[in-house]
Amino acid sequence: MKKVGLSYNSRRALIANVGETAGSEIAELMTQMAAEIEELRRTKVNVTRIVPGIPELHNTFVEDPV
């Protein structure tokens, strides 16, 4: 599995600029968000809605990721 999140140098620079507590919280949040995005990309499914009664002039498909 590939590593998700900030590198050591990025984390260290963030902590140096905003403080240890805030920098650690931000880095952890970014790591969690990156993992969630990766999970969403991995499990993405396209759904095409088919609604009865739509006139032929509106032949567009709506795709929503699930």
N, C-alpha and C. Protein backbone atom coordinates (compact mmCIF):
# COMPACT_ATOMS: atom_id res chain seq x y z
N MET A 1 0.84 -1.17 0.00
CA MET A 1 0.00 0.00 0.00
C MET A 1 0.89 1.24 0.00
N LYS A 2 0.53 2.23 -0.81
CA LYS A 2 1.37 3.41 -0.86
C LYS A 2 1.12 4.33 0.32
N LYS A 3 2.16 5.04 0.72
CA LYS A 3 2.08 5.92 1.88
C LYS A 3 1.23 7.14 1.55
N VAL A 4 0.34 7.46 2.47
CA VAL A 4 -0.53 8.61 2.30
C VAL A 4 -0.20 9.61 3.39
N GLY A 5 -0.07 10.87 3.02
CA GLY A 5 0.17 11.90 4.03
C GLY A 5 1.41 12.72 3.73
N LEU A 6 1.80 13.50 4.71
CA LEU A 6 2.93 14.41 4.56
C LEU A 6 4.24 13.69 4.82
N SER A 7 5.26 14.17 4.14
CA SER A 7 6.60 13.65 4.40
C SER A 7 7.10 14.22 5.74
N TYR A 8 8.17 13.65 6.24
CA TYR A 8 8.74 14.12 7.50
C TYR A 8 9.14 15.60 7.39
N ASN A 9 9.76 15.97 6.28
CA ASN A 9 10.20 17.37 6.11
C ASN A 9 9.02 18.34 6.04
N SER A 10 7.94 17.94 5.36
CA SER A 10 6.76 18.80 5.29
C SER A 10 6.12 18.96 6.66
N ARG A 11 6.02 17.86 7.40
CA ARG A 11 5.46 17.91 8.75
C ARG A 11 6.31 18.80 9.65
N ARG A 12 7.63 18.67 9.56
CA ARG A 12 8.54 19.46 10.39
C ARG A 12 8.42 20.95 10.05
N ALA A 13 8.32 21.29 8.75
CA ALA A 13 8.18 22.68 8.34
C ALA A 13 6.85 23.26 8.82
N LEU A 14 5.79 22.48 8.75
CA LEU A 14 4.49 22.93 9.23
C LEU A 14 4.54 23.21 10.73
N ILE A 15 5.13 22.31 11.48
CA ILE A 15 5.25 22.48 12.93
C ILE A 15 6.10 23.71 13.27
N ALA A 16 7.17 23.93 12.51
CA ALA A 16 8.03 25.08 12.76
C ALA A 16 7.32 26.40 12.50
N ASN A 17 6.38 26.41 11.56
CA ASN A 17 5.71 27.66 11.20
C ASN A 17 4.46 27.97 12.00
N VAL A 18 3.73 26.95 12.45
CA VAL A 18 2.49 27.22 13.17
C VAL A 18 2.50 26.72 14.60
N GLY A 19 3.57 26.09 15.00
CA GLY A 19 3.65 25.57 16.36
C GLY A 19 3.45 24.06 16.38
N GLU A 20 3.95 23.44 17.44
CA GLU A 20 3.96 21.98 17.50
C GLU A 20 2.55 21.38 17.58
N THR A 21 1.73 21.90 18.47
CA THR A 21 0.39 21.33 18.64
C THR A 21 -0.47 21.53 17.40
N ALA A 22 -0.54 22.77 16.92
CA ALA A 22 -1.36 23.06 15.74
C ALA A 22 -0.81 22.36 14.50
N GLY A 23 0.49 22.36 14.34
CA GLY A 23 1.10 21.70 13.19
C GLY A 23 0.84 20.21 13.17
N SER A 24 0.91 19.58 14.33
CA SER A 24 0.62 18.15 14.42
C SER A 24 -0.84 17.86 14.11
N GLU A 25 -1.74 18.69 14.61
CA GLU A 25 -3.16 18.51 14.32
C GLU A 25 -3.46 18.67 12.84
N ILE A 26 -2.88 19.68 12.22
CA ILE A 26 -3.09 19.92 10.79
C ILE A 26 -2.52 18.77 9.96
N ALA A 27 -1.33 18.33 10.31
CA ALA A 27 -0.70 17.23 9.58
C ALA A 27 -1.52 15.95 9.71
N GLU A 28 -2.04 15.67 10.90
CA GLU A 28 -2.88 14.48 11.11
C GLU A 28 -4.17 14.58 10.32
N LEU A 29 -4.80 15.76 10.33
CA LEU A 29 -6.02 15.97 9.55
C LEU A 29 -5.76 15.75 8.06
N MET A 30 -4.66 16.28 7.56
CA MET A 30 -4.32 16.12 6.14
C MET A 30 -4.07 14.65 5.80
N THR A 31 -3.45 13.92 6.70
CA THR A 31 -3.21 12.49 6.48
C THR A 31 -4.54 11.73 6.43
N GLN A 32 -5.45 12.04 7.35
CA GLN A 32 -6.76 11.39 7.35
C GLN A 32 -7.54 11.72 6.09
N MET A 33 -7.49 12.98 5.66
CA MET A 33 -8.20 13.39 4.44
C MET A 33 -7.62 12.70 3.21
N ALA A 34 -6.31 12.59 3.14
CA ALA A 34 -5.67 11.92 2.00
C ALA A 34 -6.07 10.45 1.96
N ALA A 35 -6.14 9.80 3.11
CA ALA A 35 -6.55 8.40 3.16
C ALA A 35 -8.01 8.25 2.73
N GLU A 36 -8.85 9.17 3.16
CA GLU A 36 -10.27 9.12 2.79
C GLU A 36 -10.44 9.34 1.28
N ILE A 37 -9.71 10.28 0.71
CA ILE A 37 -9.77 10.53 -0.72
C ILE A 37 -9.32 9.30 -1.50
N GLU A 38 -8.25 8.68 -1.05
CA GLU A 38 -7.74 7.47 -1.70
C GLU A 38 -8.78 6.35 -1.65
N GLU A 39 -9.44 6.20 -0.51
CA GLU A 39 -10.49 5.19 -0.36
C GLU A 39 -11.66 5.48 -1.30
N LEU A 40 -12.06 6.74 -1.40
CA LEU A 40 -13.14 7.11 -2.31
C LEU A 40 -12.76 6.84 -3.76
N ARG A 41 -11.55 7.14 -4.14
CA ARG A 41 -11.10 6.86 -5.51
C ARG A 41 -11.09 5.36 -5.79
N ARG A 42 -10.68 4.60 -4.81
CA ARG A 42 -10.56 3.16 -4.99
C ARG A 42 -11.93 2.49 -5.11
N THR A 43 -12.94 3.01 -4.42
CA THR A 43 -14.25 2.38 -4.41
C THR A 43 -15.28 3.10 -5.26
N LYS A 44 -14.86 4.03 -6.10
CA LYS A 44 -15.78 4.83 -6.91
C LYS A 44 -16.58 3.94 -7.87
N VAL A 45 -17.87 4.20 -7.93
CA VAL A 45 -18.76 3.52 -8.85
C VAL A 45 -19.60 4.59 -9.55
N ASN A 46 -19.72 4.51 -10.87
CA ASN A 46 -20.55 5.46 -11.61
C ASN A 46 -21.97 4.91 -11.70
N VAL A 47 -22.94 5.77 -11.44
CA VAL A 47 -24.34 5.40 -11.51
C VAL A 47 -25.02 6.31 -12.52
N THR A 48 -25.73 5.73 -13.46
CA THR A 48 -26.49 6.50 -14.42
C THR A 48 -27.95 6.43 -14.04
N ARG A 49 -28.54 7.57 -13.77
CA ARG A 49 -29.95 7.62 -13.40
C ARG A 49 -30.80 7.57 -14.66
N ILE A 50 -31.82 6.75 -14.62
CA ILE A 50 -32.77 6.65 -15.73
C ILE A 50 -34.13 7.01 -15.16
N VAL A 51 -34.67 8.13 -15.62
CA VAL A 51 -35.93 8.62 -15.10
C VAL A 51 -36.99 8.49 -16.18
N PRO A 52 -38.06 7.74 -15.95
CA PRO A 52 -39.11 7.60 -16.97
C PRO A 52 -39.85 8.91 -17.16
N GLY A 53 -40.31 9.14 -18.38
CA GLY A 53 -41.12 10.31 -18.67
C GLY A 53 -40.33 11.53 -19.10
N ILE A 54 -39.02 11.43 -19.26
CA ILE A 54 -38.23 12.57 -19.72
C ILE A 54 -38.36 12.65 -21.24
N PRO A 55 -38.69 13.83 -21.78
CA PRO A 55 -38.80 13.97 -23.24
C PRO A 55 -37.47 13.64 -23.93
N GLU A 56 -37.55 13.22 -25.17
CA GLU A 56 -36.37 12.83 -25.94
C GLU A 56 -35.40 14.00 -26.14
N LEU A 57 -35.87 15.24 -26.05
CA LEU A 57 -34.99 16.39 -26.24
C LEU A 57 -33.94 16.48 -25.13
N HIS A 58 -34.24 15.93 -24.00
CA HIS A 58 -33.33 15.98 -22.85
C HIS A 58 -32.65 14.63 -22.67
N ASN A 59 -31.89 14.22 -23.65
CA ASN A 59 -31.23 12.92 -23.64
C ASN A 59 -29.86 13.00 -22.97
N THR A 60 -29.76 13.64 -21.85
CA THR A 60 -28.49 13.74 -21.14
C THR A 60 -28.47 12.73 -20.02
N PHE A 61 -27.31 12.24 -19.72
CA PHE A 61 -27.13 11.29 -18.63
C PHE A 61 -26.51 12.01 -17.46
N VAL A 62 -26.97 11.69 -16.29
CA VAL A 62 -26.41 12.24 -15.06
C VAL A 62 -25.67 11.12 -14.36
N GLU A 63 -24.38 11.33 -14.13
CA GLU A 63 -23.59 10.34 -13.45
C GLU A 63 -23.19 10.87 -12.09
N ASP A 64 -23.51 10.12 -11.07
CA ASP A 64 -23.14 10.48 -9.71
C ASP A 64 -22.24 9.39 -9.14
N PRO A 65 -21.08 9.76 -8.61
CA PRO A 65 -20.26 8.76 -7.94
C PRO A 65 -20.94 8.33 -6.65
N VAL A 66 -20.79 7.08 -6.33
CA VAL A 66 -21.42 6.55 -5.11
C VAL A 66 -20.34 6.21 -4.11
